Every structure is written in C-alpha cells, then in structure tokens.
C-alpha cells in the first residue's frame, strides 16, 4: 500500500497502520479516507498530501 506525506508538516500516512486516533482502521488506503479527514498532526486537508 502506498504511503502519503503531508506537505505542511511531514506526517506520513501509512495505510497499514491507519489513523486509530482519528477512527481510521488499519488497512484503509489513502483514497478511501473520508473527504473530511485531516492530518492528525497539523490539520491539513487531504489535498495537502503527496504520494511517496
């Protein structure tokens, strides 16, 4: 699964880990994140992430 990096703060979304604190189950791809999901570190929207 592809990881994505927040271009604002550098947080890396790893689909294998998900975002448990944000209610995102492990195994959730970046494309399947809800539209309202934001970076758990800085609050940047999905549009501010890039594939790495």
PDB file of N, CA and C in Angstrom:
ATOM      1  N   UNK A   1       0.848  -1.194   0.000  1.00  0.00           N
ATOM      2  CA  UNK A   1       0.000   0.000   0.000  1.00  0.00           C
ATOM      3  C   UNK A   1       0.887   1.248   0.000  1.00  0.00           C
ATOM      4  N   UNK A   2       0.442   2.247  -0.732  1.00  0.00           N
ATOM      5  CA  UNK A   2       1.203   3.477  -0.914  1.00  0.00           C
ATOM      6  C   UNK A   2       1.054   4.398   0.288  1.00  0.00           C
ATOM      7  N   UNK A   3       2.175   4.985   0.714  1.00  0.00           N
ATOM      8  CA  UNK A   3       2.176   5.945   1.808  1.00  0.00           C
ATOM      9  C   UNK A   3       2.078   7.356   1.231  1.00  0.00           C
ATOM     10  N   UNK A   4       1.536   8.260   2.031  1.00  0.00           N
ATOM     11  CA  UNK A   4       1.394   9.660   1.629  1.00  0.00           C
ATOM     12  C   UNK A   4       1.970  10.557   2.716  1.00  0.00           C
ATOM     13  N   UNK A   5       2.621  11.658   2.291  1.00  0.00           N
ATOM     14  CA  UNK A   5       3.243  12.593   3.227  1.00  0.00           C
ATOM     15  C   UNK A   5       2.519  13.928   3.193  1.00  0.00           C
ATOM     16  N   UNK A   6       2.293  14.489   4.375  1.00  0.00           N
ATOM     17  CA  UNK A   6       1.718  15.833   4.487  1.00  0.00           C
ATOM     18  C   UNK A   6       2.789  16.837   4.080  1.00  0.00           C
ATOM     19  N   UNK A   7       2.476  17.680   3.090  1.00  0.00           N
ATOM     20  CA  UNK A   7       3.452  18.656   2.618  1.00  0.00           C
ATOM     21  C   UNK A   7       3.588  19.840   3.574  1.00  0.00           C
ATOM     22  N   UNK A   8       2.707  19.920   4.569  1.00  0.00           N
ATOM     23  CA  UNK A   8       2.767  21.012   5.535  1.00  0.00           C
ATOM     24  C   UNK A   8       3.702  20.664   6.694  1.00  0.00           C
ATOM     25  N   UNK A   9       3.513  19.458   7.277  1.00  0.00           N
ATOM     26  CA  UNK A   9       4.283  19.124   8.484  1.00  0.00           C
ATOM     27  C   UNK A   9       5.162  17.882   8.346  1.00  0.00           C
ATOM     28  N   UNK A  10       4.979  17.097   7.272  1.00  0.00           N
ATOM     29  CA  UNK A  10       5.812  15.916   7.079  1.00  0.00           C
ATOM     30  C   UNK A  10       5.243  14.625   7.633  1.00  0.00           C
ATOM     31  N   UNK A  11       4.058  14.685   8.250  1.00  0.00           N
ATOM     32  CA  UNK A  11       3.417  13.462   8.753  1.00  0.00           C
ATOM     33  C   UNK A  11       3.229  12.475   7.605  1.00  0.00           C
ATOM     34  N   UNK A  12       3.490  11.210   7.871  1.00  0.00           N
ATOM     35  CA  UNK A  12       3.314  10.185   6.845  1.00  0.00           C
ATOM     36  C   UNK A  12       2.124   9.309   7.206  1.00  0.00           C
ATOM     37  N   UNK A  13       1.152   9.263   6.282  1.00  0.00           N
ATOM     38  CA  UNK A  13       0.006   8.367   6.454  1.00  0.00           C
ATOM     39  C   UNK A  13       0.398   7.013   5.899  1.00  0.00           C
ATOM     40  N   UNK A  14       0.407   6.015   6.772  1.00  0.00           N
ATOM     41  CA  UNK A  14       0.725   4.641   6.388  1.00  0.00           C
ATOM     42  C   UNK A  14      -0.567   3.841   6.426  1.00  0.00           C
ATOM     43  N   UNK A  15      -1.065   3.401   5.264  1.00  0.00           N
ATOM     44  CA  UNK A  15      -2.334   2.672   5.224  1.00  0.00           C
ATOM     45  C   UNK A  15      -2.341   1.409   6.078  1.00  0.00           C
ATOM     46  N   UNK A  16      -1.186   0.796   6.250  1.00  0.00           N
ATOM     47  CA  UNK A  16      -1.125  -0.420   7.061  1.00  0.00           C
ATOM     48  C   UNK A  16      -1.396  -0.119   8.526  1.00  0.00           C
ATOM     49  N   UNK A  17      -1.082   1.095   8.966  1.00  0.00           N
ATOM     50  CA  UNK A  17      -1.318   1.493  10.359  1.00  0.00           C
ATOM     51  C   UNK A  17      -2.651   2.211  10.523  1.00  0.00           C
ATOM     52  N   UNK A  18      -3.117   2.877   9.463  1.00  0.00           N
ATOM     53  CA  UNK A  18      -4.340   3.662   9.574  1.00  0.00           C
ATOM     54  C   UNK A  18      -4.124   4.890  10.448  1.00  0.00           C
ATOM     55  N   UNK A  19      -5.185   5.376  11.045  1.00  0.00           N
ATOM     56  CA  UNK A  19      -5.139   6.513  11.970  1.00  0.00           C
ATOM     57  C   UNK A  19      -6.089   6.189  13.115  1.00  0.00           C
ATOM     58  N   UNK A  20      -5.661   5.305  14.016  1.00  0.00           N
ATOM     59  CA  UNK A  20      -6.552   4.852  15.089  1.00  0.00           C
ATOM     60  C   UNK A  20      -7.155   5.990  15.916  1.00  0.00           C
ATOM     61  N   UNK A  21      -6.360   7.035  16.185  1.00  0.00           N
ATOM     62  CA  UNK A  21      -6.874   8.164  16.970  1.00  0.00           C
ATOM     63  C   UNK A  21      -7.956   8.923  16.207  1.00  0.00           C
ATOM     64  N   UNK A  22      -7.925   8.837  14.865  1.00  0.00           N
ATOM     65  CA  UNK A  22      -8.915   9.516  14.035  1.00  0.00           C
ATOM     66  C   UNK A  22     -10.040   8.596  13.595  1.00  0.00           C
ATOM     67  N   UNK A  23     -10.052   7.360  14.131  1.00  0.00           N
ATOM     68  CA  UNK A  23     -11.117   6.425  13.796  1.00  0.00           C
ATOM     69  C   UNK A  23     -10.923   5.709  12.468  1.00  0.00           C
ATOM     70  N   UNK A  24      -9.699   5.726  11.942  1.00  0.00           N
ATOM     71  CA  UNK A  24      -9.411   5.075  10.665  1.00  0.00           C
ATOM     72  C   UNK A  24      -8.743   3.727  10.936  1.00  0.00           C
ATOM     73  N   UNK A  25      -9.389   2.676  10.469  1.00  0.00           N
ATOM     74  CA  UNK A  25      -8.904   1.316  10.700  1.00  0.00           C
ATOM     75  C   UNK A  25      -7.622   1.032   9.915  1.00  0.00           C
ATOM     76  N   UNK A  26      -6.714   0.201  10.472  1.00  0.00           N
ATOM     77  CA  UNK A  26      -5.560  -0.252   9.696  1.00  0.00           C
ATOM     78  C   UNK A  26      -6.029  -0.928   8.410  1.00  0.00           C
ATOM     79  N   UNK A  27      -5.275  -0.721   7.337  1.00  0.00           N
ATOM     80  CA  UNK A  27      -5.630  -1.292   6.044  1.00  0.00           C
ATOM     81  C   UNK A  27      -6.450  -0.366   5.176  1.00  0.00           C
ATOM     82  N   UNK A  28      -6.734   0.860   5.656  1.00  0.00           N
ATOM     83  CA  UNK A  28      -7.515   1.824   4.888  1.00  0.00           C
ATOM     84  C   UNK A  28      -6.595   2.600   3.949  1.00  0.00           C
ATOM     85  N   UNK A  29      -6.824   2.479   2.636  1.00  0.00           N
ATOM     86  CA  UNK A  29      -5.988   3.200   1.679  1.00  0.00           C
ATOM     87  C   UNK A  29      -6.272   4.700   1.770  1.00  0.00           C
ATOM     88  N   UNK A  30      -5.313   5.486   1.301  1.00  0.00           N
ATOM     89  CA  UNK A  30      -5.465   6.934   1.347  1.00  0.00           C
ATOM     90  C   UNK A  30      -6.699   7.375   0.574  1.00  0.00           C
ATOM     91  N   UNK A  31      -6.948   6.739  -0.565  1.00  0.00           N
ATOM     92  CA  UNK A  31      -8.096   7.097  -1.399  1.00  0.00           C
ATOM     93  C   UNK A  31      -9.417   6.819  -0.692  1.00  0.00           C
ATOM     94  N   UNK A  32      -9.424   5.877   0.242  1.00  0.00           N
ATOM     95  CA  UNK A  32     -10.652   5.515   0.954  1.00  0.00           C
ATOM     96  C   UNK A  32     -10.878   6.322   2.229  1.00  0.00           C
ATOM     97  N   UNK A  33      -9.960   7.246   2.537  1.00  0.00           N
ATOM     98  CA  UNK A  33     -10.166   8.100   3.709  1.00  0.00           C
ATOM     99  C   UNK A  33     -11.360   9.013   3.448  1.00  0.00           C
ATOM    100  N   UNK A  34     -12.141   9.330   4.471  1.00  0.00           N
ATOM    101  CA  UNK A  34     -13.276  10.241   4.276  1.00  0.00           C
ATOM    102  C   UNK A  34     -12.803  11.600   3.763  1.00  0.00           C
ATOM    103  N   UNK A  35     -13.644  12.282   3.006  1.00  0.00           N
ATOM    104  CA  UNK A  35     -13.274  13.583   2.456  1.00  0.00           C
ATOM    105  C   UNK A  35     -12.913  14.585   3.542  1.00  0.00           C
ATOM    106  N   UNK A  36     -13.510  14.467   4.704  1.00  0.00           N
ATOM    107  CA  UNK A  36     -13.248  15.402   5.789  1.00  0.00           C
ATOM    108  C   UNK A  36     -12.050  15.061   6.647  1.00  0.00           C
ATOM    109  N   UNK A  37     -11.357  13.960   6.327  1.00  0.00           N
ATOM    110  CA  UNK A  37     -10.182  13.570   7.114  1.00  0.00           C
ATOM    111  C   UNK A  37      -9.099  14.622   6.961  1.00  0.00           C
ATOM    112  N   UNK A  38      -8.411  14.930   8.058  1.00  0.00           N
ATOM    113  CA  UNK A  38      -7.315  15.897   8.036  1.00  0.00           C
ATOM    114  C   UNK A  38      -6.095  15.289   8.712  1.00  0.00           C
ATOM    115  N   UNK A  39      -4.938  15.866   8.448  1.00  0.00           N
ATOM    116  CA  UNK A  39      -3.693  15.417   9.060  1.00  0.00           C
ATOM    117  C   UNK A  39      -3.846  15.448  10.575  1.00  0.00           C
ATOM    118  N   UNK A  40      -3.539  14.329  11.247  1.00  0.00           N
ATOM    119  CA  UNK A  40      -3.699  14.295  12.704  1.00  0.00           C
ATOM    120  C   UNK A  40      -2.687  15.160  13.450  1.00  0.00           C
ATOM    121  N   UNK A  41      -1.642  15.613  12.767  1.00  0.00           N
ATOM    122  CA  UNK A  41      -0.623  16.439  13.418  1.00  0.00           C
ATOM    123  C   UNK A  41      -0.913  17.924  13.255  1.00  0.00           C
ATOM    124  N   UNK A  42      -1.197  18.353  12.007  1.00  0.00           N
ATOM    125  CA  UNK A  42      -1.335  19.794  11.775  1.00  0.00           C
ATOM    126  C   UNK A  42      -2.705  20.222  11.268  1.00  0.00           C
ATOM    127  N   UNK A  43      -3.580  19.254  10.938  1.00  0.00           N
ATOM    128  CA  UNK A  43      -4.923  19.602  10.492  1.00  0.00           C
ATOM    129  C   UNK A  43      -5.049  19.930   9.018  1.00  0.00           C
ATOM    130  N   UNK A  44      -3.986  19.672   8.241  1.00  0.00           N
ATOM    131  CA  UNK A  44      -4.038  19.950   6.790  1.00  0.00           C
ATOM    132  C   UNK A  44      -5.000  18.984   6.123  1.00  0.00           C
ATOM    133  N   UNK A  45      -5.706  19.432   5.070  1.00  0.00           N
ATOM    134  CA  UNK A  45      -6.643  18.559   4.361  1.00  0.00           C
ATOM    135  C   UNK A  45      -5.907  17.543   3.485  1.00  0.00           C
ATOM    136  N   UNK A  46      -6.658  16.551   2.993  1.00  0.00           N
ATOM    137  CA  UNK A  46      -6.085  15.502   2.137  1.00  0.00           C
ATOM    138  C   UNK A  46      -5.366  16.077   0.925  1.00  0.00           C
ATOM    139  N   UNK A  47      -5.841  17.213   0.413  1.00  0.00           N
ATOM    140  CA  UNK A  47      -5.247  17.821  -0.780  1.00  0.00           C
ATOM    141  C   UNK A  47      -3.788  18.221  -0.556  1.00  0.00           C
ATOM    142  N   UNK A  48      -3.387  18.366   0.714  1.00  0.00           N
ATOM    143  CA  UNK A  48      -2.018  18.777   1.033  1.00  0.00           C
ATOM    144  C   UNK A  48      -1.079  17.584   1.225  1.00  0.00           C
ATOM    145  N   UNK A  49      -1.509  16.392   0.797  1.00  0.00           N
ATOM    146  CA  UNK A  49      -0.674  15.205   0.896  1.00  0.00           C
ATOM    147  C   UNK A  49      -0.144  14.825  -0.478  1.00  0.00           C
ATOM    148  N   UNK A  50       1.061  14.236  -0.490  1.00  0.00           N
ATOM    149  CA  UNK A  50       1.646  13.761  -1.735  1.00  0.00           C
ATOM    150  C   UNK A  50       2.069  12.300  -1.582  1.00  0.00           C
ATOM    151  N   UNK A  51       1.980  11.569  -2.686  1.00  0.00           N
ATOM    152  CA  UNK A  51       2.378  10.154  -2.678  1.00  0.00           C
ATOM    153  C   UNK A  51       3.887  10.070  -2.534  1.00  0.00           C
ATOM    154  N   UNK A  52       4.353   9.121  -1.707  1.00  0.00           N
ATOM    155  CA  UNK A  52       5.799   8.920  -1.567  1.00  0.00           C
ATOM    156  C   UNK A  52       6.174   7.494  -1.904  1.00  0.00           C
TER     157      UNK A  52
END
